[in-house]
Amino acid sequence: MKAKPAPKIRRTAGGQTEVWAPQPPRIGLLAVQKLLLRHVAKVSPETKLWVAMIAQAMSDAISQDDNHRLCARRFLSYGTRLAFWCELIGLDLHFVREVAIKAGYLVHEDALWKPMKPAISKRAARTQNKTEAPNAGL
């Protein structure tokens, strides 16, 4: 059984601690693949493979691994590599990017991080509850 990886944490310029917590995508990868396959020029084993590659890049765009995430975001957002693959299988480049954005795979990098609440020990929580209890009836 694999050990659960430690949570990914970063500190902002303002000194706030944030934890890696991307929202789950609105649409699953299989649905994205089916959607893209409806729009290709001709469905063949090769186009299925290339659509799966594009969908995998969408999944990697929200990956916890920095290298995978940055490469996938670069592939989906900039450059000519995605344009080449889209042209090869007859997909509109802007449509593919719009699907990635609306499905929740290509979101702003800061949206993948959430503020982290400070940890309170059990003892401090009990003490805090005891001091708040007498004032609760006021």
Protein backbone atom coordinates (compact mmCIF):
# COMPACT_ATOMS: atom_id res chain seq x y z
CA MET A 1 0.00 0.00 0.00
CA LYS A 2 1.38 3.40 -0.99
CA ALA A 3 1.95 5.98 1.69
CA LYS A 4 -0.08 9.14 1.31
CA PRO A 5 2.22 11.99 0.20
CA ALA A 6 2.71 14.91 2.54
CA PRO A 7 0.53 17.92 1.75
CA LYS A 8 2.16 20.48 -0.47
CA ILE A 9 2.52 23.83 1.32
CA ARG A 10 3.75 27.25 0.23
CA ARG A 11 4.14 30.69 1.77
CA THR A 12 2.85 33.75 -0.06
CA ALA A 13 4.67 37.08 -0.24
CA GLY A 14 2.32 38.36 2.49
CA GLY A 15 3.44 35.59 4.85
CA GLN A 16 0.23 33.56 4.59
CA THR A 17 0.56 29.78 4.45
CA GLU A 18 -1.34 27.99 1.67
CA VAL A 19 -1.92 24.33 1.00
CA TRP A 20 -2.28 22.59 -2.37
CA ALA A 21 -6.02 21.97 -2.80
CA PRO A 22 -7.21 22.06 -6.40
CA GLN A 23 -10.94 21.86 -7.02
CA PRO A 24 -11.99 18.65 -8.74
CA PRO A 25 -12.64 19.20 -12.44
CA ARG A 26 -16.25 19.76 -13.50
CA ILE A 27 -16.03 17.07 -16.17
CA GLY A 28 -14.11 13.79 -16.04
CA LEU A 29 -11.39 12.89 -18.54
CA LEU A 30 -13.47 10.23 -20.26
CA ALA A 31 -16.22 12.77 -20.95
CA VAL A 32 -13.64 15.24 -22.26
CA GLN A 33 -12.22 12.58 -24.59
CA LYS A 34 -15.69 11.72 -25.90
CA LEU A 35 -16.45 15.41 -26.43
CA LEU A 36 -13.23 16.00 -28.35
CA LEU A 37 -13.71 12.84 -30.43
CA ARG A 38 -17.09 14.16 -31.60
CA HIS A 39 -15.29 17.13 -33.13
CA VAL A 40 -12.36 15.45 -34.89
CA ALA A 41 -12.33 15.28 -38.68
CA LYS A 42 -12.18 11.46 -38.79
CA VAL A 43 -12.19 8.98 -35.91
CA SER A 44 -9.38 6.44 -36.17
CA PRO A 45 -7.12 4.66 -33.66
CA GLU A 46 -4.52 7.41 -34.16
CA THR A 47 -6.98 10.23 -33.48
CA LYS A 48 -8.18 8.40 -30.36
CA LEU A 49 -4.57 8.23 -29.18
CA TRP A 50 -3.92 11.91 -29.84
CA VAL A 51 -7.17 12.96 -28.15
CA ALA A 52 -6.19 10.82 -25.15
CA MET A 53 -2.81 12.59 -25.12
CA ILE A 54 -4.51 16.01 -25.09
CA ALA A 55 -6.87 14.87 -22.32
CA GLN A 56 -3.91 13.58 -20.30
CA ALA A 57 -2.27 16.99 -20.63
CA MET A 58 -5.46 18.50 -19.19
CA SER A 59 -5.24 16.13 -16.23
CA ASP A 60 -1.56 16.93 -15.74
CA ALA A 61 -2.39 20.66 -15.70
CA ILE A 62 -3.81 20.21 -12.18
CA SER A 63 -1.20 17.68 -11.03
CA GLN A 64 0.62 18.10 -7.74
CA ASP A 65 3.93 17.39 -9.49
CA ASP A 66 5.34 20.80 -10.43
CA ASN A 67 7.18 19.55 -13.53
CA HIS A 68 4.15 17.73 -14.99
CA ARG A 69 1.83 20.63 -14.18
CA LEU A 70 4.04 23.34 -15.70
CA CYS A 71 4.77 21.33 -18.86
CA ALA A 72 1.07 20.54 -19.34
CA ARG A 73 0.02 24.14 -18.75
CA ARG A 74 2.63 25.32 -21.24
CA PHE A 75 1.44 22.73 -23.77
CA LEU A 76 -2.21 23.77 -23.40
CA SER A 77 -1.70 27.53 -23.14
CA TYR A 78 1.21 28.58 -25.33
CA GLY A 79 3.31 27.51 -28.22
CA THR A 80 2.59 25.61 -31.38
CA ARG A 81 2.69 21.98 -30.23
CA LEU A 82 -1.01 21.84 -29.33
CA ALA A 83 -1.83 23.72 -32.51
CA PHE A 84 0.09 21.10 -34.52
CA TRP A 85 -1.80 18.17 -32.92
CA CYS A 86 -5.17 19.90 -33.25
CA GLU A 87 -4.57 20.66 -36.91
CA LEU A 88 -3.45 17.09 -37.52
CA ILE A 89 -6.70 15.59 -36.23
CA GLY A 90 -9.02 18.39 -37.31
CA LEU A 91 -9.80 20.02 -33.96
CA ASP A 92 -10.10 23.75 -33.43
CA LEU A 93 -7.32 24.92 -31.11
CA HIS A 94 -9.49 27.53 -29.40
CA PHE A 95 -12.22 24.94 -28.80
CA VAL A 96 -9.75 22.61 -27.07
CA ARG A 97 -8.48 25.41 -24.82
CA GLU A 98 -12.05 26.50 -24.04
CA VAL A 99 -12.96 22.92 -23.06
CA ALA A 100 -9.90 22.76 -20.79
CA ILE A 101 -10.85 26.03 -19.09
CA LYS A 102 -14.57 25.34 -18.73
CA ALA A 103 -14.02 21.76 -17.56
CA GLY A 104 -11.80 23.07 -14.76
CA TYR A 105 -8.45 21.69 -15.91
CA LEU A 106 -6.81 24.92 -17.07
CA VAL A 107 -7.41 27.32 -14.18
CA HIS A 108 -5.25 30.11 -12.85
CA GLU A 109 -2.31 28.76 -10.84
CA ASP A 110 -3.35 30.65 -7.69
CA ALA A 111 -6.78 28.95 -7.76
CA LEU A 112 -5.03 25.65 -7.01
CA TRP A 113 -3.92 26.86 -3.55
CA LYS A 114 -6.13 27.49 -0.52
CA PRO A 115 -5.29 29.38 2.70
CA MET A 116 -4.29 27.06 5.49
CA LYS A 117 -5.96 27.42 8.86
CA PRO A 118 -3.54 27.52 11.80
CA ALA A 119 -3.40 24.25 13.69
CA ILE A 120 -4.75 24.28 17.24
CA SER A 121 -3.74 21.58 19.68
CA LYS A 122 -6.50 19.57 21.40
CA ARG A 123 -5.48 21.03 24.74
CA ALA A 124 -5.73 24.60 23.46
CA ALA A 125 -9.13 23.83 21.88
CA ARG A 126 -10.46 22.48 25.22
CA THR A 127 -9.16 25.52 27.06
CA GLN A 128 -10.70 27.83 24.48
CA ASN A 129 -14.07 26.04 24.75
CA LYS A 130 -14.03 26.29 28.56
CA THR A 131 -13.36 30.02 28.50
CA GLU A 132 -16.09 30.64 25.90
CA ALA A 133 -18.77 28.55 27.68
CA PRO A 134 -19.57 30.98 30.56
CA ASN A 135 -19.96 33.86 28.10
CA ALA A 136 -22.24 31.88 25.78
CA GLY A 137 -25.42 32.72 27.73
CA LEU A 138 -24.88 36.50 27.58
